[in-house]
Amino acid sequence: VDASNRTICTDNRFFRHLGGIGNIGWD
C-alpha cells in the first residue's frame, strides 16, 4: 500500500512472502 489513501484490506489470507519489507508493506 504505497502513497494510497482510504485503502480497506479485510478478510484476506496471506501466507509466506519471499522478499520486500514484510508480508504486507505499507507506506
mmCIF file of all heavy atoms, coordinates in Angstrom:
data_MODEL
# 
_entry.id   MODEL 
# 
loop_
_atom_site.group_PDB 
_atom_site.id 
_atom_site.type_symbol 
_atom_site.label_atom_id 
_atom_site.label_alt_id 
_atom_site.label_comp_id 
_atom_site.label_asym_id 
_atom_site.label_entity_id 
_atom_site.label_seq_id 
_atom_site.pdbx_PDB_ins_code 
_atom_site.Cartn_x 
_atom_site.Cartn_y 
_atom_site.Cartn_z 
_atom_site.occupancy 
_atom_site.B_iso_or_equiv 
_atom_site.pdbx_formal_charge 
_atom_site.auth_seq_id 
_atom_site.auth_comp_id 
_atom_site.auth_asym_id 
_atom_site.auth_atom_id 
_atom_site.pdbx_PDB_model_num 
ATOM 1   N N   . VAL A 1 1  ? 0.891   -1.168  0.000  1.00 0.00 ? 1  VAL A N   1 
ATOM 2   C CA  . VAL A 1 1  ? 0.000   0.000   0.000  1.00 0.00 ? 1  VAL A CA  1 
ATOM 3   C C   . VAL A 1 1  ? 0.924   1.212   0.000  1.00 0.00 ? 1  VAL A C   1 
ATOM 4   O O   . VAL A 1 1  ? 1.419   1.625   1.048  1.00 0.00 ? 1  VAL A O   1 
ATOM 5   C CB  . VAL A 1 1  ? -0.924  -0.003  1.236  1.00 0.00 ? 1  VAL A CB  1 
ATOM 6   C CG1 . VAL A 1 1  ? -1.858  1.206   1.202  1.00 0.00 ? 1  VAL A CG1 1 
ATOM 7   C CG2 . VAL A 1 1  ? -1.731  -1.283  1.308  1.00 0.00 ? 1  VAL A CG2 1 
ATOM 8   N N   . ASP A 1 2  ? 1.220   1.776   -1.156 1.00 0.00 ? 2  ASP A N   1 
ATOM 9   C CA  . ASP A 1 2  ? 2.174   2.866   -1.298 1.00 0.00 ? 2  ASP A CA  1 
ATOM 10  C C   . ASP A 1 2  ? 1.466   4.137   -1.750 1.00 0.00 ? 2  ASP A C   1 
ATOM 11  O O   . ASP A 1 2  ? 0.819   4.147   -2.813 1.00 0.00 ? 2  ASP A O   1 
ATOM 12  C CB  . ASP A 1 2  ? 3.248   2.519   -2.329 1.00 0.00 ? 2  ASP A CB  1 
ATOM 13  C CG  . ASP A 1 2  ? 4.235   1.469   -1.829 1.00 0.00 ? 2  ASP A CG  1 
ATOM 14  O OD1 . ASP A 1 2  ? 4.258   1.245   -0.615 1.00 0.00 ? 2  ASP A OD1 1 
ATOM 15  O OD2 . ASP A 1 2  ? 4.958   0.902   -2.654 1.00 0.00 ? 2  ASP A OD2 1 
ATOM 16  N N   . ALA A 1 3  ? 1.600   5.213   -0.964 1.00 0.00 ? 3  ALA A N   1 
ATOM 17  C CA  . ALA A 1 3  ? 1.039   6.525   -1.319 1.00 0.00 ? 3  ALA A CA  1 
ATOM 18  C C   . ALA A 1 3  ? -0.413  6.384   -1.776 1.00 0.00 ? 3  ALA A C   1 
ATOM 19  O O   . ALA A 1 3  ? -0.839  6.962   -2.769 1.00 0.00 ? 3  ALA A O   1 
ATOM 20  C CB  . ALA A 1 3  ? 1.879   7.183   -2.412 1.00 0.00 ? 3  ALA A CB  1 
ATOM 21  N N   . SER A 1 4  ? -1.176  5.606   -1.032 1.00 0.00 ? 4  SER A N   1 
ATOM 22  C CA  . SER A 1 4  ? -2.547  5.274   -1.426 1.00 0.00 ? 4  SER A CA  1 
ATOM 23  C C   . SER A 1 4  ? -3.470  5.465   -0.233 1.00 0.00 ? 4  SER A C   1 
ATOM 24  O O   . SER A 1 4  ? -3.250  4.889   0.828  1.00 0.00 ? 4  SER A O   1 
ATOM 25  C CB  . SER A 1 4  ? -2.615  3.833   -1.932 1.00 0.00 ? 4  SER A CB  1 
ATOM 26  O OG  . SER A 1 4  ? -1.811  3.666   -3.084 1.00 0.00 ? 4  SER A OG  1 
ATOM 27  N N   . ASN A 1 5  ? -4.503  6.269   -0.416 1.00 0.00 ? 5  ASN A N   1 
ATOM 28  C CA  . ASN A 1 5  ? -5.379  6.656   0.686  1.00 0.00 ? 5  ASN A CA  1 
ATOM 29  C C   . ASN A 1 5  ? -6.695  5.884   0.667  1.00 0.00 ? 5  ASN A C   1 
ATOM 30  O O   . ASN A 1 5  ? -7.141  5.412   -0.364 1.00 0.00 ? 5  ASN A O   1 
ATOM 31  C CB  . ASN A 1 5  ? -5.663  8.154   0.612  1.00 0.00 ? 5  ASN A CB  1 
ATOM 32  C CG  . ASN A 1 5  ? -4.391  8.972   0.599  1.00 0.00 ? 5  ASN A CG  1 
ATOM 33  O OD1 . ASN A 1 5  ? -3.374  8.576   1.179  1.00 0.00 ? 5  ASN A OD1 1 
ATOM 34  N ND2 . ASN A 1 5  ? -4.415  10.112  -0.072 1.00 0.00 ? 5  ASN A ND2 1 
ATOM 35  N N   . ARG A 1 6  ? -7.293  5.771   1.837  1.00 0.00 ? 6  ARG A N   1 
ATOM 36  C CA  . ARG A 1 6  ? -8.600  5.141   2.030  1.00 0.00 ? 6  ARG A CA  1 
ATOM 37  C C   . ARG A 1 6  ? -8.614  3.690   1.530  1.00 0.00 ? 6  ARG A C   1 
ATOM 38  O O   . ARG A 1 6  ? -9.608  3.215   1.000  1.00 0.00 ? 6  ARG A O   1 
ATOM 39  C CB  . ARG A 1 6  ? -9.709  5.961   1.353  1.00 0.00 ? 6  ARG A CB  1 
ATOM 40  C CG  . ARG A 1 6  ? -9.769  7.406   1.789  1.00 0.00 ? 6  ARG A CG  1 
ATOM 41  C CD  . ARG A 1 6  ? -11.025 8.109   1.294  1.00 0.00 ? 6  ARG A CD  1 
ATOM 42  N NE  . ARG A 1 6  ? -11.300 7.886   -0.112 1.00 0.00 ? 6  ARG A NE  1 
ATOM 43  C CZ  . ARG A 1 6  ? -10.723 8.564   -1.108 1.00 0.00 ? 6  ARG A CZ  1 
ATOM 44  N NH1 . ARG A 1 6  ? -9.840  9.509   -0.845 1.00 0.00 ? 6  ARG A NH1 1 
ATOM 45  N NH2 . ARG A 1 6  ? -11.034 8.303   -2.355 1.00 0.00 ? 6  ARG A NH2 1 
ATOM 46  N N   . THR A 1 7  ? -7.524  2.989   1.708  1.00 0.00 ? 7  THR A N   1 
ATOM 47  C CA  . THR A 1 7  ? -7.466  1.570   1.371  1.00 0.00 ? 7  THR A CA  1 
ATOM 48  C C   . THR A 1 7  ? -8.130  0.758   2.476  1.00 0.00 ? 7  THR A C   1 
ATOM 49  O O   . THR A 1 7  ? -7.863  0.967   3.653  1.00 0.00 ? 7  THR A O   1 
ATOM 50  C CB  . THR A 1 7  ? -6.014  1.097   1.203  1.00 0.00 ? 7  THR A CB  1 
ATOM 51  O OG1 . THR A 1 7  ? -5.410  1.818   0.120  1.00 0.00 ? 7  THR A OG1 1 
ATOM 52  C CG2 . THR A 1 7  ? -5.942  -0.389  0.924  1.00 0.00 ? 7  THR A CG2 1 
ATOM 53  N N   . ILE A 1 8  ? -8.988  -0.171  2.096  1.00 0.00 ? 8  ILE A N   1 
ATOM 54  C CA  . ILE A 1 8  ? -9.599  -1.102  3.030  1.00 0.00 ? 8  ILE A CA  1 
ATOM 55  C C   . ILE A 1 8  ? -9.153  -2.506  2.642  1.00 0.00 ? 8  ILE A C   1 
ATOM 56  O O   . ILE A 1 8  ? -9.446  -2.984  1.547  1.00 0.00 ? 8  ILE A O   1 
ATOM 57  C CB  . ILE A 1 8  ? -11.135 -1.006  3.018  1.00 0.00 ? 8  ILE A CB  1 
ATOM 58  C CG1 . ILE A 1 8  ? -11.587 0.384   3.466  1.00 0.00 ? 8  ILE A CG1 1 
ATOM 59  C CG2 . ILE A 1 8  ? -11.749 -2.084  3.913  1.00 0.00 ? 8  ILE A CG2 1 
ATOM 60  C CD1 . ILE A 1 8  ? -13.074 0.612   3.353  1.00 0.00 ? 8  ILE A CD1 1 
ATOM 61  N N   . CYS A 1 9  ? -8.418  -3.160  3.540  1.00 0.00 ? 9  CYS A N   1 
ATOM 62  C CA  . CYS A 1 9  ? -7.916  -4.514  3.318  1.00 0.00 ? 9  CYS A CA  1 
ATOM 63  C C   . CYS A 1 9  ? -8.495  -5.402  4.407  1.00 0.00 ? 9  CYS A C   1 
ATOM 64  O O   . CYS A 1 9  ? -8.108  -5.294  5.574  1.00 0.00 ? 9  CYS A O   1 
ATOM 65  C CB  . CYS A 1 9  ? -6.389  -4.501  3.350  1.00 0.00 ? 9  CYS A CB  1 
ATOM 66  S SG  . CYS A 1 9  ? -5.630  -6.135  3.298  1.00 0.00 ? 9  CYS A SG  1 
ATOM 67  N N   . THR A 1 10 ? -9.411  -6.281  4.051  1.00 0.00 ? 10 THR A N   1 
ATOM 68  C CA  . THR A 1 10 ? -10.136 -7.034  5.082  1.00 0.00 ? 10 THR A CA  1 
ATOM 69  C C   . THR A 1 10 ? -10.457 -8.452  4.609  1.00 0.00 ? 10 THR A C   1 
ATOM 70  O O   . THR A 1 10 ? -10.687 -8.702  3.417  1.00 0.00 ? 10 THR A O   1 
ATOM 71  C CB  . THR A 1 10 ? -11.442 -6.295  5.455  1.00 0.00 ? 10 THR A CB  1 
ATOM 72  O OG1 . THR A 1 10 ? -12.121 -7.001  6.476  1.00 0.00 ? 10 THR A OG1 1 
ATOM 73  C CG2 . THR A 1 10 ? -12.362 -6.134  4.270  1.00 0.00 ? 10 THR A CG2 1 
ATOM 74  N N   . ASP A 1 11 ? -10.425 -9.398  5.545  1.00 0.00 ? 11 ASP A N   1 
ATOM 75  C CA  . ASP A 1 11 ? -10.858 -10.781 5.320  1.00 0.00 ? 11 ASP A CA  1 
ATOM 76  C C   . ASP A 1 11 ? -10.048 -11.500 4.246  1.00 0.00 ? 11 ASP A C   1 
ATOM 77  O O   . ASP A 1 11 ? -10.578 -12.343 3.505  1.00 0.00 ? 11 ASP A O   1 
ATOM 78  C CB  . ASP A 1 11 ? -12.355 -10.820 4.968  1.00 0.00 ? 11 ASP A CB  1 
ATOM 79  C CG  . ASP A 1 11 ? -13.231 -10.402 6.131  1.00 0.00 ? 11 ASP A CG  1 
ATOM 80  O OD1 . ASP A 1 11 ? -13.046 -10.941 7.228  1.00 0.00 ? 11 ASP A OD1 1 
ATOM 81  O OD2 . ASP A 1 11 ? -14.087 -9.514  5.949  1.00 0.00 ? 11 ASP A OD2 1 
ATOM 82  N N   . ASN A 1 12 ? -8.753  -11.187 4.153  1.00 0.00 ? 12 ASN A N   1 
ATOM 83  C CA  . ASN A 1 12 ? -7.863  -11.877 3.223  1.00 0.00 ? 12 ASN A CA  1 
ATOM 84  C C   . ASN A 1 12 ? -7.016  -12.910 3.956  1.00 0.00 ? 12 ASN A C   1 
ATOM 85  O O   . ASN A 1 12 ? -6.864  -12.860 5.177  1.00 0.00 ? 12 ASN A O   1 
ATOM 86  C CB  . ASN A 1 12 ? -6.938  -10.871 2.536  1.00 0.00 ? 12 ASN A CB  1 
ATOM 87  C CG  . ASN A 1 12 ? -7.701  -9.829  1.758  1.00 0.00 ? 12 ASN A CG  1 
ATOM 88  O OD1 . ASN A 1 12 ? -8.193  -10.087 0.673  1.00 0.00 ? 12 ASN A OD1 1 
ATOM 89  N ND2 . ASN A 1 12 ? -7.802  -8.624  2.319  1.00 0.00 ? 12 ASN A ND2 1 
ATOM 90  N N   . ARG A 1 13 ? -6.431  -13.843 3.191  1.00 0.00 ? 13 ARG A N   1 
ATOM 91  C CA  . ARG A 1 13 ? -5.496  -14.821 3.725  1.00 0.00 ? 13 ARG A CA  1 
ATOM 92  C C   . ARG A 1 13 ? -4.128  -14.583 3.090  1.00 0.00 ? 13 ARG A C   1 
ATOM 93  O O   . ARG A 1 13 ? -3.989  -14.586 1.860  1.00 0.00 ? 13 ARG A O   1 
ATOM 94  C CB  . ARG A 1 13 ? -5.966  -16.239 3.422  1.00 0.00 ? 13 ARG A CB  1 
ATOM 95  C CG  . ARG A 1 13 ? -7.239  -16.642 4.168  1.00 0.00 ? 13 ARG A CG  1 
ATOM 96  C CD  . ARG A 1 13 ? -7.808  -17.920 3.613  1.00 0.00 ? 13 ARG A CD  1 
ATOM 97  N NE  . ARG A 1 13 ? -8.260  -17.735 2.237  1.00 0.00 ? 13 ARG A NE  1 
ATOM 98  C CZ  . ARG A 1 13 ? -8.350  -18.713 1.326  1.00 0.00 ? 13 ARG A CZ  1 
ATOM 99  N NH1 . ARG A 1 13 ? -8.013  -19.951 1.654  1.00 0.00 ? 13 ARG A NH1 1 
ATOM 100 N NH2 . ARG A 1 13 ? -8.783  -18.465 0.110  1.00 0.00 ? 13 ARG A NH2 1 
ATOM 101 N N   . PHE A 1 14 ? -3.133  -14.357 3.936  1.00 0.00 ? 14 PHE A N   1 
ATOM 102 C CA  . PHE A 1 14 ? -1.766  -14.119 3.478  1.00 0.00 ? 14 PHE A CA  1 
ATOM 103 C C   . PHE A 1 14 ? -0.874  -15.228 4.022  1.00 0.00 ? 14 PHE A C   1 
ATOM 104 O O   . PHE A 1 14 ? -0.832  -15.457 5.231  1.00 0.00 ? 14 PHE A O   1 
ATOM 105 C CB  . PHE A 1 14 ? -1.253  -12.777 4.006  1.00 0.00 ? 14 PHE A CB  1 
ATOM 106 C CG  . PHE A 1 14 ? -1.981  -11.572 3.470  1.00 0.00 ? 14 PHE A CG  1 
ATOM 107 C CD1 . PHE A 1 14 ? -3.106  -11.082 4.117  1.00 0.00 ? 14 PHE A CD1 1 
ATOM 108 C CD2 . PHE A 1 14 ? -1.529  -10.919 2.333  1.00 0.00 ? 14 PHE A CD2 1 
ATOM 109 C CE1 . PHE A 1 14 ? -3.776  -9.963  3.646  1.00 0.00 ? 14 PHE A CE1 1 
ATOM 110 C CE2 . PHE A 1 14 ? -2.187  -9.803  1.846  1.00 0.00 ? 14 PHE A CE2 1 
ATOM 111 C CZ  . PHE A 1 14 ? -3.313  -9.321  2.501  1.00 0.00 ? 14 PHE A CZ  1 
ATOM 112 N N   . PHE A 1 15 ? -0.142  -15.878 3.126  1.00 0.00 ? 15 PHE A N   1 
ATOM 113 C CA  . PHE A 1 15 ? 0.811   -16.895 3.542  1.00 0.00 ? 15 PHE A CA  1 
ATOM 114 C C   . PHE A 1 15 ? 2.223   -16.386 3.248  1.00 0.00 ? 15 PHE A C   1 
ATOM 115 O O   . PHE A 1 15 ? 2.432   -15.187 3.133  1.00 0.00 ? 15 PHE A O   1 
ATOM 116 C CB  . PHE A 1 15 ? 0.475   -18.224 2.870  1.00 0.00 ? 15 PHE A CB  1 
ATOM 117 C CG  . PHE A 1 15 ? -0.887  -18.730 3.276  1.00 0.00 ? 15 PHE A CG  1 
ATOM 118 C CD1 . PHE A 1 15 ? -2.002  -18.526 2.462  1.00 0.00 ? 15 PHE A CD1 1 
ATOM 119 C CD2 . PHE A 1 15 ? -1.070  -19.364 4.498  1.00 0.00 ? 15 PHE A CD2 1 
ATOM 120 C CE1 . PHE A 1 15 ? -3.262  -18.958 2.851  1.00 0.00 ? 15 PHE A CE1 1 
ATOM 121 C CE2 . PHE A 1 15 ? -2.337  -19.798 4.899  1.00 0.00 ? 15 PHE A CE2 1 
ATOM 122 C CZ  . PHE A 1 15 ? -3.436  -19.588 4.065  1.00 0.00 ? 15 PHE A CZ  1 
ATOM 123 N N   . ARG A 1 16 ? 3.215   -17.236 3.189  1.00 0.00 ? 16 ARG A N   1 
ATOM 124 C CA  . ARG A 1 16 ? 4.601   -16.771 3.155  1.00 0.00 ? 16 ARG A CA  1 
ATOM 125 C C   . ARG A 1 16 ? 4.870   -15.795 2.009  1.00 0.00 ? 16 ARG A C   1 
ATOM 126 O O   . ARG A 1 16 ? 4.243   -15.871 0.949  1.00 0.00 ? 16 ARG A O   1 
ATOM 127 C CB  . ARG A 1 16 ? 5.557   -17.948 3.068  1.00 0.00 ? 16 ARG A CB  1 
ATOM 128 C CG  . ARG A 1 16 ? 5.505   -18.680 1.728  1.00 0.00 ? 16 ARG A CG  1 
ATOM 129 C CD  . ARG A 1 16 ? 6.515   -19.811 1.696  1.00 0.00 ? 16 ARG A CD  1 
ATOM 130 N NE  . ARG A 1 16 ? 6.226   -20.812 2.712  1.00 0.00 ? 16 ARG A NE  1 
ATOM 131 C CZ  . ARG A 1 16 ? 7.060   -21.783 3.042  1.00 0.00 ? 16 ARG A CZ  1 
ATOM 132 N NH1 . ARG A 1 16 ? 8.238   -21.876 2.461  1.00 0.00 ? 16 ARG A NH1 1 
ATOM 133 N NH2 . ARG A 1 16 ? 6.723   -22.683 3.948  1.00 0.00 ? 16 ARG A NH2 1 
ATOM 134 N N   . HIS A 1 17 ? 5.779   -14.855 2.247  1.00 0.00 ? 17 HIS A N   1 
ATOM 135 C CA  . HIS A 1 17 ? 6.281   -13.942 1.213  1.00 0.00 ? 17 HIS A CA  1 
ATOM 136 C C   . HIS A 1 17 ? 7.784   -14.152 1.124  1.00 0.00 ? 17 HIS A C   1 
ATOM 137 O O   . HIS A 1 17 ? 8.432   -14.559 2.089  1.00 0.00 ? 17 HIS A O   1 
ATOM 138 C CB  . HIS A 1 17 ? 5.969   -12.485 1.571  1.00 0.00 ? 17 HIS A CB  1 
ATOM 139 C CG  . HIS A 1 17 ? 6.772   -11.985 2.731  1.00 0.00 ? 17 HIS A CG  1 
ATOM 140 N ND1 . HIS A 1 17 ? 7.869   -11.165 2.583  1.00 0.00 ? 17 HIS A ND1 1 
ATOM 141 C CD2 . HIS A 1 17 ? 6.668   -12.217 4.060  1.00 0.00 ? 17 HIS A CD2 1 
ATOM 142 C CE1 . HIS A 1 17 ? 8.386   -10.900 3.775  1.00 0.00 ? 17 HIS A CE1 1 
ATOM 143 N NE2 . HIS A 1 17 ? 7.666   -11.529 4.689  1.00 0.00 ? 17 HIS A NE2 1 
ATOM 144 N N   . LEU A 1 18 ? 8.377   -13.841 -0.041 1.00 0.00 ? 18 LEU A N   1 
ATOM 145 C CA  . LEU A 1 18 ? 9.771   -14.198 -0.279 1.00 0.00 ? 18 LEU A CA  1 
ATOM 146 C C   . LEU A 1 18 ? 10.716  -13.005 -0.252 1.00 0.00 ? 18 LEU A C   1 
ATOM 147 O O   . LEU A 1 18 ? 11.932  -13.174 -0.359 1.00 0.00 ? 18 LEU A O   1 
ATOM 148 C CB  . LEU A 1 18 ? 9.897   -14.930 -1.633 1.00 0.00 ? 18 LEU A CB  1 
ATOM 149 C CG  . LEU A 1 18 ? 8.952   -16.123 -1.818 1.00 0.00 ? 18 LEU A CG  1 
ATOM 150 C CD1 . LEU A 1 18 ? 9.226   -16.816 -3.142 1.00 0.00 ? 18 LEU A CD1 1 
ATOM 151 C CD2 . LEU A 1 18 ? 9.058   -17.111 -0.661 1.00 0.00 ? 18 LEU A CD2 1 
ATOM 152 N N   . GLY A 1 19 ? 10.211  -11.780 -0.132 1.00 0.00 ? 19 GLY A N   1 
ATOM 153 C CA  . GLY A 1 19 ? 11.075  -10.600 -0.133 1.00 0.00 ? 19 GLY A CA  1 
ATOM 154 C C   . GLY A 1 19 ? 10.310  -9.384  0.341  1.00 0.00 ? 19 GLY A C   1 
ATOM 155 O O   . GLY A 1 19 ? 9.299   -9.496  1.030  1.00 0.00 ? 19 GLY A O   1 
ATOM 156 N N   . GLY A 1 20 ? 10.756  -8.204  -0.055 1.00 0.00 ? 20 GLY A N   1 
ATOM 157 C CA  . GLY A 1 20 ? 10.129  -6.964  0.381  1.00 0.00 ? 20 GLY A CA  1 
ATOM 158 C C   . GLY A 1 20 ? 10.417  -6.681  1.842  1.00 0.00 ? 20 GLY A C   1 
ATOM 159 O O   . GLY A 1 20 ? 11.348  -7.230  2.433  1.00 0.00 ? 20 GLY A O   1 
ATOM 160 N N   . ILE A 1 21 ? 9.599   -5.823  2.478  1.00 0.00 ? 21 ILE A N   1 
ATOM 161 C CA  . ILE A 1 21 ? 9.826   -5.466  3.883  1.00 0.00 ? 21 ILE A CA  1 
ATOM 162 C C   . ILE A 1 21 ? 8.940   -6.260  4.842  1.00 0.00 ? 21 ILE A C   1 
ATOM 163 O O   . ILE A 1 21 ? 9.124   -6.188  6.055  1.00 0.00 ? 21 ILE A O   1 
ATOM 164 C CB  . ILE A 1 21 ? 9.610   -3.962  4.112  1.00 0.00 ? 21 ILE A CB  1 
ATOM 165 C CG1 . ILE A 1 21 ? 8.173   -3.542  3.780  1.00 0.00 ? 21 ILE A CG1 1 
ATOM 166 C CG2 . ILE A 1 21 ? 10.621  -3.154  3.317  1.00 0.00 ? 21 ILE A CG2 1 
ATOM 167 C CD1 . ILE A 1 21 ? 7.861   -2.104  4.148  1.00 0.00 ? 21 ILE A CD1 1 
ATOM 168 N N   . GLY A 1 22 ? 7.984   -7.009  4.293  1.00 0.00 ? 22 GLY A N   1 
ATOM 169 C CA  . GLY A 1 22 ? 7.102   -7.801  5.129  1.00 0.00 ? 22 GLY A CA  1 
ATOM 170 C C   . GLY A 1 22 ? 6.042   -8.467  4.290  1.00 0.00 ? 22 GLY A C   1 
ATOM 171 O O   . GLY A 1 22 ? 5.969   -8.274  3.070  1.00 0.00 ? 22 GLY A O   1 
ATOM 172 N N   . ASN A 1 23 ? 5.210   -9.282  4.920  1.00 0.00 ? 23 ASN A N   1 
ATOM 173 C CA  . ASN A 1 23 ? 4.100   -9.893  4.187  1.00 0.00 ? 23 ASN A CA  1 
ATOM 174 C C   . ASN A 1 23 ? 3.213   -8.811  3.588  1.00 0.00 ? 23 ASN A C   1 
ATOM 175 O O   . ASN A 1 23 ? 2.793   -8.898  2.437  1.00 0.00 ? 23 ASN A O   1 
ATOM 176 C CB  . ASN A 1 23 ? 3.299   -10.790 5.136  1.00 0.00 ? 23 ASN A CB  1 
ATOM 177 C CG  . ASN A 1 23 ? 2.636   -11.931 4.432  1.00 0.00 ? 23 ASN A CG  1 
ATOM 178 O OD1 . ASN A 1 23 ? 2.076   -11.759 3.362  1.00 0.00 ? 23 ASN A OD1 1 
ATOM 179 N ND2 . ASN A 1 23 ? 2.664   -13.112 5.044  1.00 0.00 ? 23 ASN A ND2 1 
ATOM 180 N N   . ILE A 1 24 ? 2.917   -7.781  4.389  1.00 0.00 ? 24 ILE A N   1 
ATOM 181 C CA  . ILE A 1 24 ? 2.246   -6.582  3.906  1.00 0.00 ? 24 ILE A CA  1 
ATOM 182 C C   . ILE A 1 24 ? 3.191   -5.411  4.135  1.00 0.00 ? 24 ILE A C   1 
ATOM 183 O O   . ILE A 1 24 ? 3.673   -5.193  5.243  1.00 0.00 ? 24 ILE A O   1 
ATOM 184 C CB  . ILE A 1 24 ? 0.918   -6.339  4.637  1.00 0.00 ? 24 ILE A CB  1 
ATOM 185 C CG1 . ILE A 1 24 ? -0.057  -7.496  4.384  1.00 0.00 ? 24 ILE A CG1 1 
ATOM 186 C CG2 . ILE A 1 24 ? 0.292   -5.018  4.213  1.00 0.00 ? 24 ILE A CG2 1 
ATOM 187 C CD1 . ILE A 1 24 ? -1.348  -7.404  5.180  1.00 0.00 ? 24 ILE A CD1 1 
ATOM 188 N N   . GLY A 1 25 ? 3.485   -4.643  3.093  1.00 0.00 ? 25 GLY A N   1 
ATOM 189 C CA  . GLY A 1 25 ? 4.300   -3.441  3.196  1.00 0.00 ? 25 GLY A CA  1 
ATOM 190 C C   . GLY A 1 25 ? 3.438   -2.213  2.983  1.00 0.00 ? 25 GLY A C   1 
ATOM 191 O O   . GLY A 1 25 ? 2.651   -2.166  2.039  1.00 0.00 ? 25 GLY A O   1 
ATOM 192 N N   . TRP A 1 26 ? 3.595   -1.227  3.865  1.00 0.00 ? 26 TRP A N   1 
ATOM 193 C CA  . TRP A 1 26 ? 2.614   -0.135  3.916  1.00 0.00 ? 26 TRP A CA  1 
ATOM 194 C C   . TRP A 1 26 ? 3.362   1.181   4.080  1.00 0.00 ? 26 TRP A C   1 
ATOM 195 O O   . TRP A 1 26 ? 4.013   1.425   5.088  1.00 0.00 ? 26 TRP A O   1 
ATOM 196 C CB  . TRP A 1 26 ? 1.705   -0.385  5.118  1.00 0.00 ? 26 TRP A CB  1 
ATOM 197 C CG  . TRP A 1 26 ? 0.472   0.444   5.206  1.00 0.00 ? 26 TRP A CG  1 
ATOM 198 C CD1 . TRP A 1 26 ? 0.076   1.446   4.375  1.00 0.00 ? 26 TRP A CD1 1 
ATOM 199 C CD2 . TRP A 1 26 ? -0.558  0.318   6.194  1.00 0.00 ? 26 TRP A CD2 1 
ATOM 200 N NE1 . TRP A 1 26 ? -1.124  1.958   4.778  1.00 0.00 ? 26 TRP A NE1 1 
ATOM 201 C CE2 . TRP A 1 26 ? -1.537  1.286   5.899  1.00 0.00 ? 26 TRP A CE2 1 
ATOM 202 C CE3 . TRP A 1 26 ? -0.740  -0.504  7.302  1.00 0.00 ? 26 TRP A CE3 1 
ATOM 203 C CZ2 . TRP A 1 26 ? -2.679  1.447   6.667  1.00 0.00 ? 26 TRP A CZ2 1 
ATOM 204 C CZ3 . TRP A 1 26 ? -1.875  -0.343  8.064  1.00 0.00 ? 26 TRP A CZ3 1 
ATOM 205 C CH2 . TRP A 1 26 ? -2.839  0.611   7.758  1.00 0.00 ? 26 TRP A CH2 1 
ATOM 206 N N   . ASP A 1 27 ? 3.287   2.076   3.084  1.00 0.00 ? 27 ASP A N   1 
ATOM 207 C CA  . ASP A 1 27 ? 3.960   3.370   3.122  1.00 0.00 ? 27 ASP A CA  1 
ATOM 208 C C   . ASP A 1 27 ? 3.006   4.482   2.704  1.00 0.00 ? 27 ASP A C   1 
ATOM 209 O O   . ASP A 1 27 ? 2.227   4.316   1.757  1.00 0.00 ? 27 ASP A O   1 
ATOM 210 C CB  . ASP A 1 27 ? 5.154   3.404   2.162  1.00 0.00 ? 27 ASP A CB  1 
ATOM 211 C CG  . ASP A 1 27 ? 6.243   2.416   2.536  1.00 0.00 ? 27 ASP A CG  1 
ATOM 212 O OD1 . ASP A 1 27 ? 6.328   2.061   3.707  1.00 0.00 ? 27 ASP A OD1 1 
ATOM 213 O OD2 . ASP A 1 27 ? 7.009   2.020   1.638  1.00 0.00 ? 27 ASP A OD2 1 
# 
